[in-house]
C-alpha atoms as a PDB file:
ATOM      1  CA  MET A   1       2.458  -7.740  -3.945  1.00  0.00           C
ATOM      2  CA  PRO A   2      -1.253  -8.794  -4.279  1.00  0.00           C
ATOM      3  CA  ILE A   3      -2.964  -5.107  -3.655  1.00  0.00           C
ATOM      4  CA  LEU A   4      -6.100  -5.608  -1.668  1.00  0.00           C
ATOM      5  CA  THR A   5      -9.710  -4.865  -3.118  1.00  0.00           C
ATOM      6  CA  ASP A   6     -11.466  -2.702  -2.533  1.00  0.00           C
ATOM      7  CA  HIS A   7     -13.787  -5.194  -0.417  1.00  0.00           C
ATOM      8  CA  GLU A   8     -10.631  -5.754   1.470  1.00  0.00           C
ATOM      9  CA  ASP A   9      -9.540  -2.840   2.354  1.00  0.00           C
ATOM     10  CA  LEU A  10     -13.681  -1.464   3.568  1.00  0.00           C
ATOM     11  CA  ALA A  11     -14.129  -5.228   5.834  1.00  0.00           C
ATOM     12  CA  ILE A  12      -9.865  -3.931   7.105  1.00  0.00           C
ATOM     13  CA  GLN A  13     -10.809  -0.234   8.070  1.00  0.00           C
ATOM     14  CA  ALA A  14     -14.477  -1.588   9.609  1.00  0.00           C
ATOM     15  CA  LYS A  15     -12.291  -4.062  12.602  1.00  0.00           C
ATOM     16  CA  LEU A  16     -10.532  -0.566  12.443  1.00  0.00           C
ATOM     17  CA  ASN A  17     -13.625   1.465  13.372  1.00  0.00           C
ATOM     18  CA  PHE A  18     -14.820  -1.551  15.691  1.00  0.00           C
ATOM     19  CA  ILE A  19     -11.290  -2.249  17.453  1.00  0.00           C
ATOM     20  CA  LEU A  20     -10.494   1.381  18.146  1.00  0.00           C
ATOM     21  CA  GLY A  21     -14.111   2.954  18.639  1.00  0.00           C
ATOM     22  CA  ALA A  22     -15.379   5.417  16.736  1.00  0.00           C
ATOM     23  CA  LYS A  23     -14.820   8.287  18.324  1.00  0.00           C
ATOM     24  CA  THR A  24     -11.213   7.549  17.809  1.00  0.00           C
ATOM     25  CA  TYR A  25     -11.757   6.230  13.751  1.00  0.00           C
ATOM     26  CA  ASP A  26     -12.868   9.140  12.437  1.00  0.00           C
ATOM     27  CA  THR A  27      -9.893  11.473  14.167  1.00  0.00           C
ATOM     28  CA  TYR A  28      -6.932   9.583  13.025  1.00  0.00           C
ATOM     29  CA  LEU A  29      -7.862   6.905  10.063  1.00  0.00           C
ATOM     30  CA  GLN A  30     -10.017   9.058   8.313  1.00  0.00           C
ATOM     31  CA  GLY A  31      -9.053   9.462   4.419  1.00  0.00           C
ATOM     32  CA  PHE A  32      -6.447   6.183   5.743  1.00  0.00           C
ATOM     33  CA  ARG A  33      -5.692   2.741   3.213  1.00  0.00           C
ATOM     34  CA  CYS A  34      -4.324  -0.577   3.364  1.00  0.00           C
ATOM     35  CA  ALA A  35      -3.578  -0.836  -0.070  1.00  0.00           C
ATOM     36  CA  GLU A  36      -1.375  -4.200  -0.377  1.00  0.00           C
ATOM     37  CA  LEU A  37       0.132  -6.582   1.275  1.00  0.00           C
ATOM     38  CA  SER A  38       3.495  -7.747   0.493  1.00  0.00           C
ATOM     39  CA  GLY A  39       5.893 -10.948   2.796  1.00  0.00           C
ATOM     40  CA  GLY A  40       4.051  -9.525   5.648  1.00  0.00           C
ATOM     41  CA  VAL A  41       4.883  -5.435   5.247  1.00  0.00           C
ATOM     42  CA  VAL A  42       0.812  -4.176   4.913  1.00  0.00           C
ATOM     43  CA  ILE A  43       1.201  -0.885   3.236  1.00  0.00           C
ATOM     44  CA  ALA A  44      -0.711   1.597   3.743  1.00  0.00           C
ATOM     45  CA  TYR A  45      -1.848   5.578   3.251  1.00  0.00           C
ATOM     46  CA  ALA A  46      -3.150   7.734   5.555  1.00  0.00           C
ATOM     47  CA  ARG A  47      -4.168  11.902   4.668  1.00  0.00           C
ATOM     48  CA  SER A  48      -1.276  13.696   5.553  1.00  0.00           C
ATOM     49  CA  GLU A  49       2.238  13.225   6.126  1.00  0.00           C
ATOM     50  CA  TYR A  50       1.426  14.391  10.308  1.00  0.00           C
ATOM     51  CA  MET A  51      -1.018  11.418  10.704  1.00  0.00           C
ATOM     52  CA  ALA A  52       0.750   8.738   9.239  1.00  0.00           C
ATOM     53  CA  GLY A  53       3.818   9.292  11.092  1.00  0.00           C
ATOM     54  CA  VAL A  54       0.558   9.088  14.720  1.00  0.00           C
ATOM     55  CA  ILE A  55      -0.945   6.271  13.009  1.00  0.00           C
ATOM     56  CA  SER A  56       2.442   4.111  12.252  1.00  0.00           C
ATOM     57  CA  ALA A  57       3.698   4.849  15.352  1.00  0.00           C
ATOM     58  CA  GLU A  58       0.032   4.464  18.448  1.00  0.00           C
ATOM     59  CA  TYR A  59      -2.134   1.365  15.498  1.00  0.00           C
ATOM     60  CA  SER A  60       0.867  -0.079  13.798  1.00  0.00           C
ATOM     61  CA  THR A  61      -0.738  -3.475  15.695  1.00  0.00           C
ATOM     62  CA  GLN A  62      -4.173  -2.378  15.301  1.00  0.00           C
ATOM     63  CA  ILE A  63      -3.392  -2.732  12.633  1.00  0.00           C
ATOM     64  CA  ALA A  64      -1.958  -5.664  11.444  1.00  0.00           C
ATOM     65  CA  VAL A  65      -4.043  -7.688  13.280  1.00  0.00           C
ATOM     66  CA  ALA A  66      -7.444  -6.347  11.454  1.00  0.00           C
ATOM     67  CA  VAL A  67      -5.330  -6.704   8.387  1.00  0.00           C
ATOM     68  CA  GLU A  68      -4.542  -9.975   9.494  1.00  0.00           C
ATOM     69  CA  SER A  69      -7.667 -11.103  10.203  1.00  0.00           C
ATOM     70  CA  VAL A  70      -9.520  -9.958   6.561  1.00  0.00           C
ATOM     71  CA  ILE A  71      -6.855 -10.829   4.693  1.00  0.00           C
ATOM     72  CA  ARG A  72      -6.267 -14.399   6.547  1.00  0.00           C
ATOM     73  CA  GLN A  73      -1.927 -14.290   6.121  1.00  0.00           C
ATOM     74  CA  PRO A  74       0.451 -13.042   7.979  1.00  0.00           C
ATOM     75  CA  ALA A  75       1.541  -9.454   8.781  1.00  0.00           C
ATOM     76  CA  ALA A  76       4.780  -8.615  10.451  1.00  0.00           C
ATOM     77  CA  MET A  77       4.822  -4.986   9.402  1.00  0.00           C
ATOM     78  CA  VAL A  78       2.364  -1.860   8.872  1.00  0.00           C
ATOM     79  CA  LEU A  79       4.596   0.402   6.876  1.00  0.00           C
ATOM     80  CA  VAL A  80       2.312   3.733   6.536  1.00  0.00           C
ATOM     81  CA  LEU A  81       2.531   6.356   3.981  1.00  0.00           C
ATOM     82  CA  PRO A  82       0.991  10.210   3.419  1.00  0.00           C
ATOM     83  CA  CYS A  83      -1.143   9.648   0.421  1.00  0.00           C
ATOM     84  CA  PRO A  84       0.406  10.744  -2.966  1.00  0.00           C
ATOM     85  CA  LYS A  85      -0.219  13.703  -4.118  1.00  0.00           C
ATOM     86  CA  PRO A  86      -1.728  13.838  -7.532  1.00  0.00           C
ATOM     87  CA  PRO A  87       0.886  15.943 -10.986  1.00  0.00           C
ATOM     88  CA  ARG A  88       0.004  19.100 -11.503  1.00  0.00           C
END
């Protein structure tokens, strides 16, 4: 399971900002993080369950394109999960 480095994640975020535009990026992808790429599946985290659903439904293709261009490996599917809550 290759975990993405902070530099790779930031490069993906910059590409998404360019592809989607600043307004859309700031509205939907604030707090978004690509965590790993395993077997063609991108695992990413969003700030809430609602935002994970929106991002997954509307922007999976753009995320896959950005990840492929940075990592240089195929990304066939994007799985966006809500950010895990720290234990109390």
